[in-house]
Amino acid sequence: MKTFTRTQLASCLSAAALFAGVHGNAQALTLGVDFAASYTAASLGSIAGLPTPYGGLTLKAGAPNTLLIGGAANTDPGLIYELGVTRDAGNHITGFSSAPTPLGTVGTYNDGGVTYGPAGVLFTSQWPVNKLGQTKPGSTAEDKVIDLAALGVADSHSAVNFVPAGFAGAGRMKLVSWAGGEWYDATFSPDGFGTFDISAVTQIDLDPVAGGVQSLPGGPEGFVYIAAGNAGFTVNSLLVSEYSAGNVAAYDLDANGDPLLGTRRDFITGLVGAEGAAIDPLTGDFLFSTFGGANELVVVKGFKVPVGVAEPTTLALLGLALAGLGFGRRQRSS
């Protein structure tokens, strides 16, 4: 239990946002100097009926017009909700077409990590209890929950993702903790029941030249992989929602799919509580949610349609190929 909880921090950020006149579309989103000429960022606003604060998000496997997003994040009654989205002629998401409904009982203590992995399993980060949920396709409750504290993950795990096909380190599971920013590589394998065991978690030093073990700054939450060739990205890269700093940061990747600390650049600044992170498979747009403040969704356009990003079907095939093999904070408030 930290003396200054995430709940208290979010409350302070919300108050600051209101004092500054930041609300909904008025949030002062500013693209970094390396990206401003090529991308546009706009708020989609809040989702009517979705309990605040917001957690992580993704598009539903096989149904890209359905959004999955965490509500009442970081709390025991938190849930993952699904709702329809509207799209324009270019397939970009422009709004919401239905009221949010719970995905069964999935999503207790949901946080920035909501993503699909091998075999179409939905992985959900749980903060502050330092756990990782797994939900098989068609299930309406978590089929497996792993205690990450027992594996040495620092309090508390906040987000998870998998290195996409076509990237160095493809298929590897990556984890991060809030607020310390500890970054991990996880060794996992099928458990024979449609979900996955994690046998080991290794903290990665993100700057071996510096003394000690270096972690991500800014209070990291959800993160996504960006392919080289997108404007401003000359190498395969990572975008990270920085909850504490109110930014989204860009990093170059190393040969294992881990961010290189010395390459950090501002992708977006001027946020309040950046939380989730997802890629729209139809357009390549970057989507992220905010926890506290305006509790909203933001869409960033200008990316290429992702060819190498690991969609659920790709990861399902990868999971079959890996069968039997091992892949070698805080307390917040709204």
C-alpha atoms as a PDB file:
ATOM      1  CA  MET A   1       0.000   0.000   0.000  1.00  0.00           C
ATOM      2  CA  LYS A   2       1.549   3.270  -1.087  1.00  0.00           C
ATOM      3  CA  THR A   3       1.061   6.410   0.971  1.00  0.00           C
ATOM      4  CA  PHE A   4      -0.043   8.283  -2.160  1.00  0.00           C
ATOM      5  CA  THR A   5      -2.487   5.985  -3.891  1.00  0.00           C
ATOM      6  CA  ARG A   6      -3.414   5.822  -7.538  1.00  0.00           C
ATOM      7  CA  THR A   7      -6.925   6.753  -6.510  1.00  0.00           C
ATOM      8  CA  GLN A   8      -5.620   9.888  -4.857  1.00  0.00           C
ATOM      9  CA  LEU A   9      -3.404  10.632  -7.847  1.00  0.00           C
ATOM     10  CA  ALA A  10      -6.291  10.265 -10.286  1.00  0.00           C
ATOM     11  CA  SER A  11      -8.437  12.524  -8.106  1.00  0.00           C
ATOM     12  CA  CYS A  12      -5.723  15.183  -8.158  1.00  0.00           C
ATOM     13  CA  LEU A  13      -5.339  14.840 -11.926  1.00  0.00           C
ATOM     14  CA  SER A  14      -9.102  15.128 -12.379  1.00  0.00           C
ATOM     15  CA  ALA A  15      -9.199  18.271 -10.265  1.00  0.00           C
ATOM     16  CA  ALA A  16      -6.288  19.743 -12.178  1.00  0.00           C
ATOM     17  CA  ALA A  17      -7.996  18.980 -15.474  1.00  0.00           C
ATOM     18  CA  LEU A  18     -11.194  20.703 -14.390  1.00  0.00           C
ATOM     19  CA  PHE A  19      -9.281  23.696 -13.043  1.00  0.00           C
ATOM     20  CA  ALA A  20      -7.487  24.024 -16.351  1.00  0.00           C
ATOM     21  CA  GLY A  21     -10.680  23.645 -18.357  1.00  0.00           C
ATOM     22  CA  VAL A  22      -9.612  20.251 -19.689  1.00  0.00           C
ATOM     23  CA  HIS A  23     -12.675  18.139 -20.401  1.00  0.00           C
ATOM     24  CA  GLY A  24     -13.652  15.713 -23.149  1.00  0.00           C
ATOM     25  CA  ASN A  25     -12.511  16.962 -26.536  1.00  0.00           C
ATOM     26  CA  ALA A  26     -10.920  19.985 -24.879  1.00  0.00           C
ATOM     27  CA  GLN A  27      -8.074  17.889 -23.473  1.00  0.00           C
ATOM     28  CA  ALA A  28      -4.897  19.543 -24.712  1.00  0.00           C
ATOM     29  CA  LEU A  29      -3.505  16.724 -26.840  1.00  0.00           C
ATOM     30  CA  THR A  30      -0.174  17.646 -28.404  1.00  0.00           C
ATOM     31  CA  LEU A  31       1.691  15.383 -30.802  1.00  0.00           C
ATOM     32  CA  GLY A  32       5.469  15.195 -30.440  1.00  0.00           C
ATOM     33  CA  VAL A  33       7.707  17.087 -32.840  1.00  0.00           C
ATOM     34  CA  ASP A  34       8.669  13.923 -34.714  1.00  0.00           C
ATOM     35  CA  PHE A  35       5.026  13.015 -35.326  1.00  0.00           C
ATOM     36  CA  ALA A  36       2.916  16.182 -35.554  1.00  0.00           C
ATOM     37  CA  ALA A  37       3.133  16.458 -39.343  1.00  0.00           C
ATOM     38  CA  SER A  38       1.998  12.875 -39.964  1.00  0.00           C
ATOM     39  CA  TYR A  39      -0.647  12.061 -37.364  1.00  0.00           C
ATOM     40  CA  THR A  40      -3.878  13.495 -35.980  1.00  0.00           C
ATOM     41  CA  ALA A  41      -5.280  12.823 -32.508  1.00  0.00           C
ATOM     42  CA  ALA A  42      -8.877  13.370 -31.437  1.00  0.00           C
ATOM     43  CA  SER A  43     -10.978  12.443 -28.439  1.00  0.00           C
ATOM     44  CA  LEU A  44     -14.053  10.271 -28.999  1.00  0.00           C
ATOM     45  CA  GLY A  45     -15.346  11.446 -25.631  1.00  0.00           C
ATOM     46  CA  SER A  46     -16.687   9.368 -22.784  1.00  0.00           C
ATOM     47  CA  ILE A  47     -18.851   6.256 -23.125  1.00  0.00           C
ATOM     48  CA  ALA A  48     -22.334   6.723 -21.678  1.00  0.00           C
ATOM     49  CA  GLY A  49     -23.059   4.070 -19.081  1.00  0.00           C
ATOM     50  CA  LEU A  50     -19.473   2.811 -18.686  1.00  0.00           C
ATOM     51  CA  PRO A  51     -18.459   2.919 -15.008  1.00  0.00           C
ATOM     52  CA  THR A  52     -15.418   5.072 -14.356  1.00  0.00           C
ATOM     53  CA  PRO A  53     -12.493   5.041 -14.164  1.00  0.00           C
ATOM     54  CA  TYR A  54     -11.679   3.416 -17.492  1.00  0.00           C
ATOM     55  CA  GLY A  55      -9.223   0.557 -17.866  1.00  0.00           C
ATOM     56  CA  GLY A  56      -7.537  -1.011 -20.881  1.00  0.00           C
ATOM     57  CA  LEU A  57      -9.155  -1.750 -24.221  1.00  0.00           C
ATOM     58  CA  THR A  58      -9.009  -3.813 -27.396  1.00  0.00           C
ATOM     59  CA  LEU A  59     -11.187  -4.648 -30.394  1.00  0.00           C
ATOM     60  CA  LYS A  60     -13.035  -7.950 -30.019  1.00  0.00           C
ATOM     61  CA  ALA A  61     -11.486 -10.925 -31.814  1.00  0.00           C
ATOM     62  CA  GLY A  62     -13.337 -11.620 -35.059  1.00  0.00           C
ATOM     63  CA  ALA A  63     -15.650  -8.637 -34.483  1.00  0.00           C
ATOM     64  CA  PRO A  64     -13.667  -5.436 -35.079  1.00  0.00           C
ATOM     65  CA  ASN A  65     -16.788  -3.293 -34.751  1.00  0.00           C
ATOM     66  CA  THR A  66     -17.055  -4.318 -31.102  1.00  0.00           C
ATOM     67  CA  LEU A  67     -14.898  -2.632 -28.480  1.00  0.00           C
ATOM     68  CA  LEU A  68     -13.851  -4.296 -25.231  1.00  0.00           C
ATOM     69  CA  ILE A  69     -12.921  -1.868 -22.450  1.00  0.00           C
ATOM     70  CA  GLY A  70     -12.481  -1.998 -18.702  1.00  0.00           C
ATOM     71  CA  GLY A  71     -14.897  -0.161 -16.433  1.00  0.00           C
ATOM     72  CA  ALA A  72     -14.574   0.575 -12.701  1.00  0.00           C
ATOM     73  CA  ALA A  73     -10.882  -0.142 -13.201  1.00  0.00           C
ATOM     74  CA  ASN A  74      -8.651  -1.243 -10.304  1.00  0.00           C
ATOM     75  CA  THR A  75     -11.623  -2.347  -8.189  1.00  0.00           C
ATOM     76  CA  ASP A  76     -13.046  -5.728  -7.217  1.00  0.00           C
ATOM     77  CA  PRO A  77     -16.378  -5.018  -8.982  1.00  0.00           C
ATOM     78  CA  GLY A  78     -14.534  -3.891 -12.124  1.00  0.00           C
ATOM     79  CA  LEU A  79     -15.595  -5.574 -15.369  1.00  0.00           C
ATOM     80  CA  ILE A  80     -14.742  -5.714 -19.053  1.00  0.00           C
ATOM     81  CA  TYR A  81     -17.574  -4.244 -21.130  1.00  0.00           C
ATOM     82  CA  GLU A  82     -18.374  -4.634 -24.818  1.00  0.00           C
ATOM     83  CA  LEU A  83     -20.078  -2.109 -27.073  1.00  0.00           C
ATOM     84  CA  GLY A  84     -20.430  -1.328 -30.753  1.00  0.00           C
ATOM     85  CA  VAL A  85     -18.430   1.340 -32.556  1.00  0.00           C
ATOM     86  CA  THR A  86     -19.293   3.460 -35.577  1.00  0.00           C
ATOM     87  CA  ARG A  87     -16.903   3.943 -38.486  1.00  0.00           C
ATOM     88  CA  ASP A  88     -16.608   6.464 -41.310  1.00  0.00           C
ATOM     89  CA  ALA A  89     -16.071   5.741 -45.002  1.00  0.00           C
ATOM     90  CA  GLY A  90     -12.377   5.168 -44.333  1.00  0.00           C
ATOM     91  CA  ASN A  91     -13.180   2.618 -41.582  1.00  0.00           C
ATOM     92  CA  HIS A  92     -11.887   4.926 -38.825  1.00  0.00           C
ATOM     93  CA  ILE A  93     -13.756   4.714 -35.526  1.00  0.00           C
ATOM     94  CA  THR A  94     -15.873   7.826 -34.968  1.00  0.00           C
ATOM     95  CA  GLY A  95     -18.059   6.957 -31.992  1.00  0.00           C
ATOM     96  CA  PHE A  96     -20.133   4.365 -30.179  1.00  0.00           C
ATOM     97  CA  SER A  97     -23.261   2.614 -31.438  1.00  0.00           C
ATOM     98  CA  SER A  98     -24.561   0.733 -28.395  1.00  0.00           C
ATOM     99  CA  ALA A  99     -24.636   0.792 -24.635  1.00  0.00           C
ATOM    100  CA  PRO A 100     -21.832  -1.084 -22.846  1.00  0.00           C
ATOM    101  CA  THR A 101     -22.721  -4.529 -21.516  1.00  0.00           C
ATOM    102  CA  PRO A 102     -20.530  -6.651 -19.224  1.00  0.00           C
ATOM    103  CA  LEU A 103     -18.531  -9.527 -20.695  1.00  0.00           C
ATOM    104  CA  GLY A 104     -19.894 -11.832 -18.019  1.00  0.00           C
ATOM    105  CA  THR A 105     -17.799 -11.502 -14.889  1.00  0.00           C
ATOM    106  CA  VAL A 106     -14.476 -10.928 -16.665  1.00  0.00           C
ATOM    107  CA  GLY A 107     -12.413  -7.962 -15.529  1.00  0.00           C
ATOM    108  CA  THR A 108     -12.104  -7.742 -11.767  1.00  0.00           C
ATOM    109  CA  TYR A 109      -9.368  -5.241 -10.888  1.00  0.00           C
ATOM    110  CA  ASN A 110      -8.885  -4.546 -14.620  1.00  0.00           C
ATOM    111  CA  ASP A 111      -6.047  -2.210 -15.549  1.00  0.00           C
ATOM    112  CA  GLY A 112      -4.156  -1.035 -18.641  1.00  0.00           C
ATOM    113  CA  GLY A 113      -3.565  -4.494 -20.115  1.00  0.00           C
ATOM    114  CA  VAL A 114      -6.497  -5.962 -22.082  1.00  0.00           C
ATOM    115  CA  THR A 115      -5.185  -7.944 -25.035  1.00  0.00           C
ATOM    116  CA  TYR A 116      -5.530 -11.172 -26.971  1.00  0.00           C
ATOM    117  CA  GLY A 117      -2.785 -13.770 -26.906  1.00  0.00           C
ATOM    118  CA  PRO A 118      -2.226 -17.250 -28.328  1.00  0.00           C
ATOM    119  CA  ALA A 119      -5.303 -19.407 -29.035  1.00  0.00           C
ATOM    120  CA  GLY A 120      -7.513 -16.304 -28.881  1.00  0.00           C
ATOM    121  CA  VAL A 121      -7.231 -16.135 -25.089  1.00  0.00           C
ATOM    122  CA  LEU A 122      -8.071 -12.712 -23.637  1.00  0.00           C
ATOM    123  CA  PHE A 123      -5.413 -11.618 -21.132  1.00  0.00           C
ATOM    124  CA  THR A 124      -6.442  -9.046 -18.515  1.00  0.00           C
ATOM    125  CA  SER A 125      -4.075  -7.326 -16.114  1.00  0.00           C
ATOM    126  CA  GLN A 126      -5.244  -6.996 -12.505  1.00  0.00           C
ATOM    127  CA  TRP A 127      -4.072  -4.074 -10.369  1.00  0.00           C
ATOM    128  CA  PRO A 128      -3.378  -3.679  -7.435  1.00  0.00           C
ATOM    129  CA  VAL A 129      -3.649  -7.425  -6.729  1.00  0.00           C
ATOM    130  CA  ASN A 130      -0.729  -8.213  -9.085  1.00  0.00           C
ATOM    131  CA  LYS A 131      -2.471 -10.938 -11.070  1.00  0.00           C
ATOM    132  CA  LEU A 132      -3.079 -11.860 -14.704  1.00  0.00           C
ATOM    133  CA  GLY A 133      -6.435 -13.205 -15.868  1.00  0.00           C
ATOM    134  CA  GLN A 134      -7.025 -15.448 -18.884  1.00  0.00           C
ATOM    135  CA  THR A 135     -10.390 -15.932 -20.588  1.00  0.00           C
ATOM    136  CA  LYS A 136     -10.868 -18.509 -23.347  1.00  0.00           C
ATOM    137  CA  PRO A 137     -12.977 -17.718 -26.440  1.00  0.00           C
ATOM    138  CA  GLY A 138     -16.649 -18.028 -25.549  1.00  0.00           C
ATOM    139  CA  SER A 139     -16.110 -17.939 -21.779  1.00  0.00           C
ATOM    140  CA  THR A 140     -17.882 -15.353 -19.646  1.00  0.00           C
ATOM    141  CA  ALA A 141     -15.612 -15.711 -16.626  1.00  0.00           C
ATOM    142  CA  GLU A 142     -11.860 -15.835 -16.266  1.00  0.00           C
ATOM    143  CA  ASP A 143     -10.752 -19.415 -16.820  1.00  0.00           C
ATOM    144  CA  LYS A 144      -7.385 -18.923 -15.143  1.00  0.00           C
ATOM    145  CA  VAL A 145      -5.784 -16.300 -12.897  1.00  0.00           C
ATOM    146  CA  ILE A 146      -2.030 -16.289 -12.238  1.00  0.00           C
ATOM    147  CA  ASP A 147      -0.520 -14.711  -9.128  1.00  0.00           C
ATOM    148  CA  LEU A 148       2.375 -12.713 -10.559  1.00  0.00           C
ATOM    149  CA  ALA A 149       3.706 -11.723  -7.142  1.00  0.00           C
ATOM    150  CA  ALA A 150       4.673 -15.365  -6.624  1.00  0.00           C
ATOM    151  CA  LEU A 151       6.784 -15.111  -9.786  1.00  0.00           C
ATOM    152  CA  GLY A 152       8.624 -12.020  -8.570  1.00  0.00           C
ATOM    153  CA  VAL A 153       6.679  -9.292 -10.394  1.00  0.00           C
ATOM    154  CA  ALA A 154       6.820  -5.956  -8.549  1.00  0.00           C
ATOM    155  CA  ASP A 155       3.561  -4.550  -7.172  1.00  0.00           C
ATOM    156  CA  SER A 156       1.688  -4.282  -9.168  1.00  0.00           C
ATOM    157  CA  HIS A 157       1.406  -5.631 -12.669  1.00  0.00           C
ATOM    158  CA  SER A 158      -0.409  -3.131 -14.905  1.00  0.00           C
ATOM    159  CA  ALA A 159      -0.255  -4.278 -18.541  1.00  0.00           C
ATOM    160  CA  VAL A 160       0.600  -7.183 -20.841  1.00  0.00           C
ATOM    161  CA  ASN A 161       1.141  -7.680 -24.556  1.00  0.00           C
ATOM    162  CA  PHE A 162       2.803 -10.054 -27.005  1.00  0.00           C
ATOM    163  CA  VAL A 163       5.524  -9.223 -29.516  1.00  0.00           C
ATOM    164  CA  PRO A 164       3.830  -9.400 -32.942  1.00  0.00           C
ATOM    165  CA  ALA A 165       4.757 -11.611 -35.862  1.00  0.00           C
ATOM    166  CA  GLY A 166       7.396  -9.963 -38.042  1.00  0.00           C
ATOM    167  CA  PHE A 167       9.147  -8.350 -35.064  1.00  0.00           C
ATOM    168  CA  ALA A 168      12.346  -9.552 -33.432  1.00  0.00           C
ATOM    169  CA  GLY A 169      11.283 -11.605 -30.426  1.00  0.00           C
ATOM    170  CA  ALA A 170       7.920 -12.464 -32.021  1.00  0.00           C
ATOM    171  CA  GLY A 171       5.551 -14.331 -29.715  1.00  0.00           C
ATOM    172  CA  ARG A 172       7.224 -13.360 -26.459  1.00  0.00           C
ATOM    173  CA  MET A 173       5.029 -12.199 -23.581  1.00  0.00           C
ATOM    174  CA  LYS A 174       5.916  -8.821 -22.060  1.00  0.00           C
ATOM    175  CA  LEU A 175       4.664  -7.453 -18.738  1.00  0.00           C
ATOM    176  CA  VAL A 176       5.039  -4.090 -17.010  1.00  0.00           C
ATOM    177  CA  SER A 177       4.294  -2.800 -13.495  1.00  0.00           C
ATOM    178  CA  TRP A 178       2.967   0.527 -12.241  1.00  0.00           C
ATOM    179  CA  ALA A 179       4.327   2.747 -10.814  1.00  0.00           C
ATOM    180  CA  GLY A 180       7.912   1.531 -10.824  1.00  0.00           C
ATOM    181  CA  GLY A 181       7.945   0.720 -14.538  1.00  0.00           C
ATOM    182  CA  GLU A 182       9.586  -2.693 -14.110  1.00  0.00           C
ATOM    183  CA  TRP A 183       9.590  -4.457 -17.502  1.00  0.00           C
ATOM    184  CA  TYR A 184       9.482  -8.246 -17.757  1.00  0.00           C
ATOM    185  CA  ASP A 185       9.837 -11.073 -20.234  1.00  0.00           C
ATOM    186  CA  ALA A 186       7.647 -14.074 -19.325  1.00  0.00           C
ATOM    187  CA  THR A 187       8.256 -17.724 -20.203  1.00  0.00           C
ATOM    188  CA  PHE A 188       4.891 -19.346 -20.912  1.00  0.00           C
ATOM    189  CA  SER A 189       3.477 -22.556 -22.362  1.00  0.00           C
ATOM    190  CA  PRO A 190       0.074 -24.216 -22.946  1.00  0.00           C
ATOM    191  CA  ASP A 191      -1.375 -25.859 -19.831  1.00  0.00           C
ATOM    192  CA  GLY A 192      -3.479 -28.394 -21.741  1.00  0.00           C
ATOM    193  CA  PHE A 193      -6.765 -26.712 -20.840  1.00  0.00           C
ATOM    194  CA  GLY A 194      -6.818 -23.909 -23.404  1.00  0.00           C
ATOM    195  CA  THR A 195      -4.985 -21.422 -21.196  1.00  0.00           C
ATOM    196  CA  PHE A 196      -1.317 -20.906 -20.347  1.00  0.00           C
ATOM    197  CA  ASP A 197       1.133 -21.448 -17.524  1.00  0.00           C
ATOM    198  CA  ILE A 198       3.874 -18.924 -16.763  1.00  0.00           C
ATOM    199  CA  SER A 199       6.948 -20.734 -15.504  1.00  0.00           C
ATOM    200  CA  ALA A 200       9.332 -17.801 -15.104  1.00  0.00           C
ATOM    201  CA  VAL A 201       9.389 -14.019 -15.280  1.00  0.00           C
ATOM    202  CA  THR A 202      12.632 -12.128 -15.880  1.00  0.00           C
ATOM    203  CA  GLN A 203      13.040  -8.402 -15.275  1.00  0.00           C
ATOM    204  CA  ILE A 204      14.790  -6.756 -18.222  1.00  0.00           C
ATOM    205  CA  ASP A 205      17.377  -4.012 -17.799  1.00  0.00           C
ATOM    206  CA  LEU A 206      16.297  -1.429 -20.377  1.00  0.00           C
ATOM    207  CA  ASP A 207      19.650   0.398 -20.312  1.00  0.00           C
ATOM    208  CA  PRO A 208      22.510  -2.012 -19.546  1.00  0.00           C
ATOM    209  CA  VAL A 209      25.054   0.814 -19.811  1.00  0.00           C
ATOM    210  CA  ALA A 210      23.570   2.667 -16.837  1.00  0.00           C
ATOM    211  CA  GLY A 211      24.051   1.416 -13.305  1.00  0.00           C
ATOM    212  CA  GLY A 212      21.439  -0.855 -11.751  1.00  0.00           C
ATOM    213  CA  VAL A 213      18.384  -2.292 -13.496  1.00  0.00           C
ATOM    214  CA  GLN A 214      16.637   0.421 -15.488  1.00  0.00           C
ATOM    215  CA  SER A 215      12.836   0.543 -15.859  1.00  0.00           C
ATOM    216  CA  LEU A 216      10.303   2.549 -17.857  1.00  0.00           C
ATOM    217  CA  PRO A 217       9.585   6.067 -16.572  1.00  0.00           C
ATOM    218  CA  GLY A 218       6.285   7.904 -16.424  1.00  0.00           C
ATOM    219  CA  GLY A 219       4.143   5.294 -14.677  1.00  0.00           C
ATOM    220  CA  PRO A 220       3.619   2.910 -17.625  1.00  0.00           C
ATOM    221  CA  GLU A 221       0.323   1.273 -18.472  1.00  0.00           C
ATOM    222  CA  GLY A 222      -0.918  -0.200 -21.772  1.00  0.00           C
ATOM    223  CA  PHE A 223       1.561  -0.617 -24.629  1.00  0.00           C
ATOM    224  CA  VAL A 224       1.440  -1.598 -28.309  1.00  0.00           C
ATOM    225  CA  TYR A 225       3.942  -2.468 -31.015  1.00  0.00           C
ATOM    226  CA  ILE A 226       4.405  -0.224 -34.071  1.00  0.00           C
ATOM    227  CA  ALA A 227       6.031  -1.513 -37.265  1.00  0.00           C
ATOM    228  CA  ALA A 228       8.938   0.257 -38.923  1.00  0.00           C
ATOM    229  CA  GLY A 229       7.862   2.222 -41.977  1.00  0.00           C
ATOM    230  CA  ASN A 230       5.120   4.187 -40.259  1.00  0.00           C
ATOM    231  CA  ALA A 231       5.845   7.910 -40.347  1.00  0.00           C
ATOM    232  CA  GLY A 232       8.403   8.804 -37.687  1.00  0.00           C
ATOM    233  CA  PHE A 233       9.255   5.167 -36.970  1.00  0.00           C
ATOM    234  CA  THR A 234      12.358   4.020 -38.833  1.00  0.00           C
ATOM    235  CA  VAL A 235      12.638   0.825 -36.765  1.00  0.00           C
ATOM    236  CA  ASN A 236      10.129  -1.436 -35.020  1.00  0.00           C
ATOM    237  CA  SER A 237       8.923   0.459 -31.982  1.00  0.00           C
ATOM    238  CA  LEU A 238       6.736   0.559 -28.888  1.00  0.00           C
ATOM    239  CA  LEU A 239       4.099   3.066 -27.792  1.00  0.00           C
ATOM    240  CA  VAL A 240       3.486   3.223 -24.040  1.00  0.00           C
ATOM    241  CA  SER A 241       0.674   5.017 -22.211  1.00  0.00           C
ATOM    242  CA  GLU A 242       2.324   6.876 -19.324  1.00  0.00           C
ATOM    243  CA  TYR A 243      -0.377   7.249 -16.690  1.00  0.00           C
ATOM    244  CA  SER A 244       1.601   9.249 -14.146  1.00  0.00           C
ATOM    245  CA  ALA A 245       3.280  11.576 -16.639  1.00  0.00           C
ATOM    246  CA  GLY A 246       0.188  12.128 -18.791  1.00  0.00           C
ATOM    247  CA  ASN A 247       1.969  11.181 -22.006  1.00  0.00           C
ATOM    248  CA  VAL A 248       2.272   8.491 -24.631  1.00  0.00           C
ATOM    249  CA  ALA A 249       5.938   7.664 -25.264  1.00  0.00           C
ATOM    250  CA  ALA A 250       7.660   6.019 -28.245  1.00  0.00           C
ATOM    251  CA  TYR A 251      10.657   3.687 -27.940  1.00  0.00           C
ATOM    252  CA  ASP A 252      12.850   1.789 -30.387  1.00  0.00           C
ATOM    253  CA  LEU A 253      12.997  -1.969 -29.773  1.00  0.00           C
ATOM    254  CA  ASP A 254      15.937  -4.296 -29.287  1.00  0.00           C
ATOM    255  CA  ALA A 255      16.376  -7.817 -30.694  1.00  0.00           C
ATOM    256  CA  ASN A 256      14.067  -9.303 -28.039  1.00  0.00           C
ATOM    257  CA  GLY A 257      11.157  -6.902 -28.448  1.00  0.00           C
ATOM    258  CA  ASP A 258      12.119  -4.837 -25.397  1.00  0.00           C
ATOM    259  CA  PRO A 259      12.202  -1.005 -25.390  1.00  0.00           C
ATOM    260  CA  LEU A 260      15.538   0.812 -25.420  1.00  0.00           C
ATOM    261  CA  LEU A 261      15.326   3.438 -22.701  1.00  0.00           C
ATOM    262  CA  GLY A 262      17.668   5.910 -24.378  1.00  0.00           C
ATOM    263  CA  THR A 263      15.455   6.157 -27.467  1.00  0.00           C
ATOM    264  CA  ARG A 264      12.391   7.570 -25.686  1.00  0.00           C
ATOM    265  CA  ARG A 265      10.454  10.271 -27.567  1.00  0.00           C
ATOM    266  CA  ASP A 266       7.210  12.058 -26.769  1.00  0.00           C
ATOM    267  CA  PHE A 267       4.445  10.783 -29.029  1.00  0.00           C
ATOM    268  CA  ILE A 268       1.603  12.633 -27.276  1.00  0.00           C
ATOM    269  CA  THR A 269       1.682  15.000 -24.306  1.00  0.00           C
ATOM    270  CA  GLY A 270      -0.974  16.935 -22.401  1.00  0.00           C
ATOM    271  CA  LEU A 271      -3.015  13.928 -21.255  1.00  0.00           C
ATOM    272  CA  VAL A 272      -4.702  13.158 -17.956  1.00  0.00           C
ATOM    273  CA  GLY A 273      -4.147   9.550 -16.858  1.00  0.00           C
ATOM    274  CA  ALA A 274      -3.210   7.737 -20.105  1.00  0.00           C
ATOM    275  CA  GLU A 275      -4.247   4.122 -19.494  1.00  0.00           C
ATOM    276  CA  GLY A 276      -5.019   1.516 -22.175  1.00  0.00           C
ATOM    277  CA  ALA A 277      -3.470   0.994 -25.607  1.00  0.00           C
ATOM    278  CA  ALA A 278      -4.707  -0.861 -28.691  1.00  0.00           C
ATOM    279  CA  ILE A 279      -4.333  -0.993 -32.461  1.00  0.00           C
ATOM    280  CA  ASP A 280      -7.397  -0.975 -34.717  1.00  0.00           C
ATOM    281  CA  PRO A 281      -6.831  -3.958 -37.049  1.00  0.00           C
ATOM    282  CA  LEU A 282      -8.884  -2.377 -39.850  1.00  0.00           C
ATOM    283  CA  THR A 283      -7.004   0.928 -40.071  1.00  0.00           C
ATOM    284  CA  GLY A 284      -3.882   0.764 -37.920  1.00  0.00           C
ATOM    285  CA  ASP A 285      -5.232   3.635 -35.798  1.00  0.00           C
ATOM    286  CA  PHE A 286      -3.844   3.816 -32.272  1.00  0.00           C
ATOM    287  CA  LEU A 287      -6.549   3.848 -29.595  1.00  0.00           C
ATOM    288  CA  PHE A 288      -6.074   4.597 -25.934  1.00  0.00           C
ATOM    289  CA  SER A 289      -8.224   5.237 -22.898  1.00  0.00           C
ATOM    290  CA  THR A 290      -7.743   7.540 -19.929  1.00  0.00           C
ATOM    291  CA  PHE A 291      -8.194   6.709 -16.244  1.00  0.00           C
ATOM    292  CA  GLY A 292      -9.646   9.636 -14.337  1.00  0.00           C
ATOM    293  CA  GLY A 293      -9.724  13.152 -15.734  1.00  0.00           C
ATOM    294  CA  ALA A 294     -12.277  13.081 -18.538  1.00  0.00           C
ATOM    295  CA  ASN A 295     -12.383   9.245 -18.714  1.00  0.00           C
ATOM    296  CA  GLU A 296     -12.379   9.154 -22.500  1.00  0.00           C
ATOM    297  CA  LEU A 297     -11.134   7.376 -25.600  1.00  0.00           C
ATOM    298  CA  VAL A 298      -8.636   8.924 -27.987  1.00  0.00           C
ATOM    299  CA  VAL A 299      -7.952   7.829 -31.569  1.00  0.00           C
ATOM    300  CA  VAL A 300      -4.725   8.650 -33.422  1.00  0.00           C
ATOM    301  CA  LYS A 301      -4.826   8.404 -37.222  1.00  0.00           C
ATOM    302  CA  GLY A 302      -1.958   8.256 -39.681  1.00  0.00           C
ATOM    303  CA  PHE A 303      -0.628   4.726 -39.203  1.00  0.00           C
ATOM    304  CA  LYS A 304      -0.483   2.074 -41.897  1.00  0.00           C
ATOM    305  CA  VAL A 305      -2.902  -0.831 -41.786  1.00  0.00           C
ATOM    306  CA  PRO A 306      -0.989  -3.379 -39.669  1.00  0.00           C
ATOM    307  CA  VAL A 307       0.267  -6.354 -41.636  1.00  0.00           C
ATOM    308  CA  GLY A 308       2.575  -7.904 -39.049  1.00  0.00           C
ATOM    309  CA  VAL A 309       0.618  -7.053 -35.896  1.00  0.00           C
ATOM    310  CA  ALA A 310      -0.329 -10.287 -34.157  1.00  0.00           C
ATOM    311  CA  GLU A 311      -4.085 -10.570 -34.432  1.00  0.00           C
ATOM    312  CA  PRO A 312      -5.847 -13.331 -32.464  1.00  0.00           C
ATOM    313  CA  THR A 313      -5.815 -15.769 -35.403  1.00  0.00           C
ATOM    314  CA  THR A 314      -2.071 -15.299 -35.881  1.00  0.00           C
ATOM    315  CA  LEU A 315      -1.432 -15.809 -32.195  1.00  0.00           C
ATOM    316  CA  ALA A 316      -3.641 -18.897 -32.178  1.00  0.00           C
ATOM    317  CA  LEU A 317      -1.448 -20.510 -34.820  1.00  0.00           C
ATOM    318  CA  LEU A 318       1.641 -19.437 -32.907  1.00  0.00           C
ATOM    319  CA  GLY A 319       0.227 -21.010 -29.765  1.00  0.00           C
ATOM    320  CA  LEU A 320      -0.215 -24.324 -31.567  1.00  0.00           C
ATOM    321  CA  ALA A 321       3.331 -24.167 -32.877  1.00  0.00           C
ATOM    322  CA  LEU A 322       4.596 -23.595 -29.345  1.00  0.00           C
ATOM    323  CA  ALA A 323       2.581 -26.400 -27.764  1.00  0.00           C
ATOM    324  CA  GLY A 324       4.697 -28.184 -25.224  1.00  0.00           C
ATOM    325  CA  LEU A 325       7.481 -25.582 -25.440  1.00  0.00           C
ATOM    326  CA  GLY A 326       8.318 -22.686 -23.106  1.00  0.00           C
ATOM    327  CA  PHE A 327       8.912 -19.250 -24.538  1.00  0.00           C
ATOM    328  CA  GLY A 328      12.254 -18.767 -23.864  1.00  0.00           C
ATOM    329  CA  ARG A 329       2.363   0.311  -7.145  1.00  0.00           C
ATOM    330  CA  ARG A 330       0.167   2.051  -6.149  1.00  0.00           C
ATOM    331  CA  GLN A 331      -3.424   2.339  -5.490  1.00  0.00           C
ATOM    332  CA  ARG A 332      -5.305   4.594  -7.856  1.00  0.00           C
ATOM    333  CA  SER A 333      -8.663   6.241  -7.853  1.00  0.00           C
ATOM    334  CA  SER A 334     -11.053   7.929 -10.213  1.00  0.00           C
END
